[in-house]
Amino acid sequence: MGCKQGVGSSAPHPPEGPVTRREDASDLRGRFRDWAADNGAVDTARHVERVTLVHLGTSEYDVELTTTYSTTDATSAPRHLADKFATWWDGDDGDGVAWNLIVTDAGGHRLADRHL
């Protein structure tokens, strides 16, 4: 809630630090590309430039794919990538829970999202 949390009629209090933590997960990118090579999704997987885990607290996170797609690309290509990544995602979230998959362009603009 960060800035939206106010006390009574006083002004909202902005958070004192980051409300999330971002972590590079290049190992997931490599594992996804390996899977894609064996499952007919090489052309789709080649668009993934970076995989980032966006920690939402101590045990929950979203997965963000930074891609070569742009906002001018048809929405079907980023959605197709999201579907393929979700198929690969095995549901074993380790110690935490992955909630959402977010596909972005290089500038961070959201192109597609999907619940994991």
N, C-alpha and C. Protein backbone atom coordinates (compact mmCIF):
# COMPACT_ATOMS: atom_id res chain seq x y z
N MET A 1 0.82 -1.20 0.00
CA MET A 1 0.00 0.00 0.00
C MET A 1 0.86 1.26 0.00
N GLY A 2 2.01 1.21 0.62
CA GLY A 2 2.96 2.33 0.57
C GLY A 2 2.33 3.67 0.80
N CYS A 3 2.35 4.53 -0.22
CA CYS A 3 1.90 5.91 -0.12
C CYS A 3 0.41 6.04 0.15
N LYS A 4 -0.36 5.01 -0.11
CA LYS A 4 -1.81 5.11 0.06
C LYS A 4 -2.23 4.98 1.51
N GLN A 5 -1.32 4.56 2.36
CA GLN A 5 -1.67 4.38 3.76
C GLN A 5 -1.51 5.69 4.51
N GLY A 6 -2.61 6.22 4.94
CA GLY A 6 -2.59 7.46 5.72
C GLY A 6 -3.15 7.16 7.10
N VAL A 7 -3.00 8.11 7.98
CA VAL A 7 -3.51 7.95 9.33
C VAL A 7 -4.58 9.01 9.52
N GLY A 8 -5.81 8.55 9.73
CA GLY A 8 -6.90 9.48 9.94
C GLY A 8 -7.04 10.45 8.79
N SER A 9 -7.06 11.73 9.11
CA SER A 9 -7.20 12.76 8.08
C SER A 9 -5.85 13.36 7.70
N SER A 10 -4.77 12.76 8.21
CA SER A 10 -3.44 13.29 7.86
C SER A 10 -3.03 12.84 6.46
N ALA A 11 -1.98 13.45 5.97
CA ALA A 11 -1.48 13.11 4.62
C ALA A 11 -0.90 11.70 4.62
N PRO A 12 -0.98 11.02 3.48
CA PRO A 12 -0.38 9.68 3.39
C PRO A 12 1.13 9.74 3.66
N HIS A 13 1.66 8.65 4.22
CA HIS A 13 3.08 8.56 4.53
C HIS A 13 3.78 7.73 3.46
N PRO A 14 4.68 8.32 2.69
CA PRO A 14 5.38 7.54 1.68
C PRO A 14 6.29 6.50 2.33
N PRO A 15 6.54 5.41 1.67
CA PRO A 15 7.42 4.40 2.26
C PRO A 15 8.83 4.96 2.41
N GLU A 16 9.55 4.46 3.42
CA GLU A 16 10.90 4.95 3.68
C GLU A 16 11.93 4.27 2.79
N GLY A 17 11.59 3.15 2.18
CA GLY A 17 12.51 2.43 1.31
C GLY A 17 11.74 1.73 0.21
N PRO A 18 12.44 1.00 -0.62
CA PRO A 18 11.75 0.28 -1.71
C PRO A 18 10.72 -0.71 -1.15
N VAL A 19 9.59 -0.80 -1.81
CA VAL A 19 8.56 -1.74 -1.38
C VAL A 19 8.74 -3.10 -2.04
N THR A 20 9.62 -3.17 -3.03
CA THR A 20 9.94 -4.44 -3.68
C THR A 20 11.45 -4.52 -3.88
N ARG A 21 11.89 -5.72 -4.16
CA ARG A 21 13.31 -5.94 -4.47
C ARG A 21 13.37 -6.70 -5.77
N ARG A 22 14.23 -6.26 -6.67
CA ARG A 22 14.37 -6.89 -7.98
C ARG A 22 15.65 -7.72 -8.01
N GLU A 23 15.54 -8.93 -8.56
CA GLU A 23 16.68 -9.84 -8.60
C GLU A 23 16.81 -10.45 -9.99
N ASP A 24 17.99 -10.33 -10.59
CA ASP A 24 18.24 -10.93 -11.89
C ASP A 24 18.19 -12.45 -11.75
N ALA A 25 17.54 -13.10 -12.71
CA ALA A 25 17.42 -14.57 -12.69
C ALA A 25 17.83 -15.12 -14.05
N SER A 26 19.06 -14.82 -14.45
CA SER A 26 19.53 -15.25 -15.76
C SER A 26 19.54 -16.77 -15.90
N ASP A 27 19.65 -17.49 -14.79
CA ASP A 27 19.59 -18.95 -14.86
C ASP A 27 18.23 -19.42 -15.37
N LEU A 28 17.16 -18.71 -15.01
CA LEU A 28 15.83 -19.08 -15.50
C LEU A 28 15.73 -18.84 -17.00
N ARG A 29 16.34 -17.79 -17.47
CA ARG A 29 16.35 -17.50 -18.91
C ARG A 29 17.01 -18.65 -19.67
N GLY A 30 18.16 -19.09 -19.19
CA GLY A 30 18.86 -20.20 -19.84
C GLY A 30 18.07 -21.50 -19.79
N ARG A 31 17.46 -21.78 -18.66
CA ARG A 31 16.67 -23.01 -18.52
C ARG A 31 15.44 -22.97 -19.41
N PHE A 32 14.81 -21.79 -19.52
CA PHE A 32 13.65 -21.66 -20.40
C PHE A 32 14.06 -21.85 -21.86
N ARG A 33 15.19 -21.27 -22.25
CA ARG A 33 15.66 -21.43 -23.63
C ARG A 33 16.01 -22.89 -23.93
N ASP A 34 16.59 -23.59 -22.97
CA ASP A 34 16.88 -25.02 -23.17
C ASP A 34 15.59 -25.80 -23.38
N TRP A 35 14.59 -25.52 -22.55
CA TRP A 35 13.31 -26.19 -22.70
C TRP A 35 12.69 -25.85 -24.05
N ALA A 36 12.75 -24.59 -24.44
CA ALA A 36 12.16 -24.14 -25.70
C ALA A 36 12.78 -24.86 -26.89
N ALA A 37 14.09 -25.13 -26.82
CA ALA A 37 14.78 -25.82 -27.91
C ALA A 37 14.23 -27.23 -28.11
N ASP A 38 13.80 -27.85 -27.04
CA ASP A 38 13.26 -29.21 -27.10
C ASP A 38 11.76 -29.27 -27.32
N ASN A 39 11.10 -28.10 -27.28
CA ASN A 39 9.64 -28.08 -27.35
C ASN A 39 9.10 -27.16 -28.44
N GLY A 40 9.89 -26.91 -29.46
CA GLY A 40 9.42 -26.14 -30.62
C GLY A 40 9.11 -24.69 -30.35
N ALA A 41 9.79 -24.09 -29.39
CA ALA A 41 9.50 -22.69 -29.05
C ALA A 41 10.74 -21.81 -29.14
N VAL A 42 11.73 -22.22 -29.93
CA VAL A 42 12.97 -21.46 -30.03
C VAL A 42 12.71 -20.04 -30.52
N ASP A 43 11.88 -19.88 -31.55
CA ASP A 43 11.61 -18.55 -32.10
C ASP A 43 10.96 -17.63 -31.06
N THR A 44 10.15 -18.20 -30.21
CA THR A 44 9.50 -17.42 -29.16
C THR A 44 10.49 -17.07 -28.05
N ALA A 45 11.26 -18.05 -27.60
CA ALA A 45 12.19 -17.86 -26.47
C ALA A 45 13.32 -16.90 -26.80
N ARG A 46 13.68 -16.78 -28.06
CA ARG A 46 14.81 -15.90 -28.42
C ARG A 46 14.51 -14.43 -28.14
N HIS A 47 13.26 -14.09 -27.93
CA HIS A 47 12.88 -12.70 -27.65
C HIS A 47 13.11 -12.30 -26.19
N VAL A 48 13.37 -13.27 -25.32
CA VAL A 48 13.58 -12.97 -23.90
C VAL A 48 15.02 -12.50 -23.71
N GLU A 49 15.17 -11.26 -23.26
CA GLU A 49 16.51 -10.71 -23.01
C GLU A 49 16.91 -10.83 -21.54
N ARG A 50 15.93 -10.77 -20.64
CA ARG A 50 16.24 -10.82 -19.21
C ARG A 50 15.03 -11.36 -18.45
N VAL A 51 15.32 -12.13 -17.40
CA VAL A 51 14.29 -12.59 -16.47
C VAL A 51 14.62 -11.99 -15.11
N THR A 52 13.63 -11.34 -14.52
CA THR A 52 13.81 -10.68 -13.23
C THR A 52 12.74 -11.18 -12.27
N LEU A 53 13.16 -11.50 -11.05
CA LEU A 53 12.20 -11.82 -9.99
C LEU A 53 11.94 -10.52 -9.24
N VAL A 54 10.68 -10.15 -9.14
CA VAL A 54 10.28 -8.93 -8.44
C VAL A 54 9.67 -9.37 -7.11
N HIS A 55 10.48 -9.30 -6.05
CA HIS A 55 10.04 -9.76 -4.74
C HIS A 55 9.02 -8.78 -4.16
N LEU A 56 7.91 -9.32 -3.73
CA LEU A 56 6.80 -8.51 -3.22
C LEU A 56 6.71 -8.55 -1.70
N GLY A 57 7.69 -9.09 -1.10
CA GLY A 57 7.73 -9.26 0.34
C GLY A 57 8.75 -10.34 0.64
N THR A 58 8.52 -11.06 1.71
CA THR A 58 9.51 -12.07 2.10
C THR A 58 9.38 -13.38 1.33
N SER A 59 8.19 -13.73 0.86
CA SER A 59 8.04 -15.04 0.22
C SER A 59 7.18 -15.03 -1.03
N GLU A 60 6.85 -13.87 -1.55
CA GLU A 60 6.03 -13.80 -2.76
C GLU A 60 6.76 -12.96 -3.80
N TYR A 61 6.56 -13.31 -5.07
CA TYR A 61 7.23 -12.57 -6.13
C TYR A 61 6.47 -12.70 -7.44
N ASP A 62 6.76 -11.78 -8.35
CA ASP A 62 6.31 -11.85 -9.74
C ASP A 62 7.53 -12.14 -10.59
N VAL A 63 7.31 -12.69 -11.77
CA VAL A 63 8.37 -12.96 -12.72
C VAL A 63 8.18 -11.98 -13.88
N GLU A 64 9.23 -11.25 -14.21
CA GLU A 64 9.17 -10.27 -15.29
C GLU A 64 10.12 -10.68 -16.41
N LEU A 65 9.60 -10.73 -17.63
CA LEU A 65 10.40 -11.03 -18.81
C LEU A 65 10.59 -9.74 -19.59
N THR A 66 11.84 -9.31 -19.74
CA THR A 66 12.14 -8.18 -20.60
C THR A 66 12.46 -8.75 -21.97
N THR A 67 11.79 -8.22 -22.99
CA THR A 67 11.87 -8.84 -24.31
C THR A 67 12.29 -7.85 -25.39
N THR A 68 12.51 -8.38 -26.58
CA THR A 68 12.81 -7.56 -27.75
C THR A 68 11.53 -7.05 -28.41
N TYR A 69 10.38 -7.48 -27.93
CA TYR A 69 9.11 -6.99 -28.47
C TYR A 69 8.95 -5.51 -28.13
N SER A 70 8.13 -4.82 -28.92
CA SER A 70 7.87 -3.41 -28.64
C SER A 70 6.35 -3.20 -28.54
N THR A 71 5.97 -2.01 -28.15
CA THR A 71 4.54 -1.71 -28.02
C THR A 71 3.85 -1.71 -29.37
N THR A 72 4.61 -1.65 -30.47
CA THR A 72 4.00 -1.70 -31.80
C THR A 72 3.77 -3.12 -32.28
N ASP A 73 4.36 -4.12 -31.59
CA ASP A 73 4.12 -5.52 -31.96
C ASP A 73 2.69 -5.90 -31.62
N ALA A 74 2.17 -6.81 -32.41
CA ALA A 74 0.83 -7.33 -32.13
C ALA A 74 0.84 -7.96 -30.74
N THR A 75 -0.25 -7.83 -30.03
CA THR A 75 -0.32 -8.38 -28.68
C THR A 75 -0.25 -9.90 -28.67
N SER A 76 -0.47 -10.53 -29.80
CA SER A 76 -0.46 -11.99 -29.82
C SER A 76 0.94 -12.56 -29.57
N ALA A 77 2.00 -11.90 -30.04
CA ALA A 77 3.36 -12.43 -29.84
C ALA A 77 3.77 -12.40 -28.37
N PRO A 78 3.61 -11.28 -27.65
CA PRO A 78 3.94 -11.30 -26.22
C PRO A 78 3.05 -12.26 -25.43
N ARG A 79 1.79 -12.37 -25.79
CA ARG A 79 0.89 -13.31 -25.10
C ARG A 79 1.30 -14.75 -25.36
N HIS A 80 1.72 -15.03 -26.59
CA HIS A 80 2.19 -16.37 -26.93
C HIS A 80 3.42 -16.72 -26.10
N LEU A 81 4.34 -15.75 -25.96
CA LEU A 81 5.51 -15.95 -25.11
C LEU A 81 5.09 -16.23 -23.68
N ALA A 82 4.16 -15.46 -23.16
CA ALA A 82 3.68 -15.66 -21.79
C ALA A 82 3.10 -17.06 -21.62
N ASP A 83 2.35 -17.52 -22.61
CA ASP A 83 1.78 -18.87 -22.55
C ASP A 83 2.87 -19.94 -22.54
N LYS A 84 3.88 -19.79 -23.40
CA LYS A 84 4.97 -20.77 -23.46
C LYS A 84 5.76 -20.78 -22.16
N PHE A 85 6.05 -19.60 -21.61
CA PHE A 85 6.80 -19.53 -20.36
C PHE A 85 5.99 -20.18 -19.23
N ALA A 86 4.71 -19.90 -19.18
CA ALA A 86 3.85 -20.48 -18.14
C ALA A 86 3.78 -22.00 -18.28
N THR A 87 3.78 -22.50 -19.51
CA THR A 87 3.80 -23.96 -19.73
C THR A 87 5.09 -24.54 -19.18
N TRP A 88 6.21 -23.86 -19.42
CA TRP A 88 7.49 -24.32 -18.92
C TRP A 88 7.57 -24.25 -17.40
N TRP A 89 7.00 -23.19 -16.84
CA TRP A 89 7.07 -22.99 -15.39
C TRP A 89 6.47 -24.21 -14.72
N ASP A 90 7.22 -24.87 -13.90
CA ASP A 90 6.79 -26.16 -13.37
C ASP A 90 5.95 -26.08 -12.11
N GLY A 91 5.69 -24.90 -11.62
CA GLY A 91 4.87 -24.77 -10.43
C GLY A 91 5.66 -24.89 -9.14
N ASP A 92 6.92 -25.31 -9.22
CA ASP A 92 7.76 -25.39 -8.03
C ASP A 92 8.38 -24.03 -7.81
N ASP A 93 7.77 -23.25 -6.95
CA ASP A 93 8.20 -21.88 -6.72
C ASP A 93 9.31 -21.79 -5.69
N GLY A 94 9.89 -22.91 -5.31
CA GLY A 94 10.95 -22.89 -4.31
C GLY A 94 10.39 -22.50 -2.96
N ASP A 95 11.09 -21.61 -2.29
CA ASP A 95 10.68 -21.21 -0.94
C ASP A 95 9.54 -20.20 -0.93
N GLY A 96 9.22 -19.63 -2.09
CA GLY A 96 8.19 -18.60 -2.14
C GLY A 96 7.08 -18.97 -3.10
N VAL A 97 6.23 -18.00 -3.38
CA VAL A 97 5.10 -18.19 -4.28
C VAL A 97 5.19 -17.17 -5.41
N ALA A 98 5.21 -17.67 -6.65
CA ALA A 98 5.18 -16.79 -7.81
C ALA A 98 3.73 -16.53 -8.18
N TRP A 99 3.37 -15.26 -8.31
CA TRP A 99 1.98 -14.91 -8.59
C TRP A 99 1.73 -14.61 -10.05
N ASN A 100 2.52 -13.72 -10.63
CA ASN A 100 2.23 -13.23 -11.97
C ASN A 100 3.47 -13.26 -12.86
N LEU A 101 3.21 -13.39 -14.15
CA LEU A 101 4.23 -13.27 -15.17
C LEU A 101 3.93 -11.99 -15.94
N ILE A 102 4.92 -11.13 -16.06
CA ILE A 102 4.75 -9.86 -16.75
C ILE A 102 5.75 -9.80 -17.89
N VAL A 103 5.27 -9.55 -19.11
CA VAL A 103 6.12 -9.44 -20.29
C VAL A 103 6.21 -7.95 -20.63
N THR A 104 7.46 -7.45 -20.73
CA THR A 104 7.66 -6.03 -21.01
C THR A 104 8.57 -5.85 -22.23
N ASP A 105 8.57 -4.62 -22.74
CA ASP A 105 9.55 -4.27 -23.76
C ASP A 105 10.82 -3.81 -23.05
N ALA A 106 11.84 -3.43 -23.81
CA ALA A 106 13.12 -3.04 -23.22
C ALA A 106 12.99 -1.81 -22.31
N GLY A 107 11.99 -0.97 -22.55
CA GLY A 107 11.77 0.22 -21.74
C GLY A 107 10.91 -0.02 -20.52
N GLY A 108 10.47 -1.25 -20.29
CA GLY A 108 9.66 -1.57 -19.12
C GLY A 108 8.17 -1.42 -19.32
N HIS A 109 7.70 -1.15 -20.54
CA HIS A 109 6.27 -1.03 -20.81
C HIS A 109 5.64 -2.43 -20.84
N ARG A 110 4.58 -2.60 -20.12
CA ARG A 110 3.90 -3.90 -20.03
C ARG A 110 3.22 -4.22 -21.35
N LEU A 111 3.53 -5.41 -21.87
CA LEU A 111 2.95 -5.88 -23.12
C LEU A 111 1.92 -6.98 -22.90
N ALA A 112 2.14 -7.79 -21.88
CA ALA A 112 1.23 -8.89 -21.57
C ALA A 112 1.47 -9.31 -20.13
N ASP A 113 0.49 -9.93 -19.53
CA ASP A 113 0.67 -10.50 -18.20
C ASP A 113 -0.20 -11.74 -18.07
N ARG A 114 0.14 -12.53 -17.11
CA ARG A 114 -0.55 -13.81 -16.92
C ARG A 114 -0.33 -14.28 -15.48
N HIS A 115 -1.32 -14.87 -14.90
CA HIS A 115 -1.20 -15.42 -13.56
C HIS A 115 -0.43 -16.74 -13.63
N LEU A 116 0.51 -16.92 -12.73
CA LEU A 116 1.24 -18.19 -12.65
C LEU A 116 0.58 -19.06 -11.60
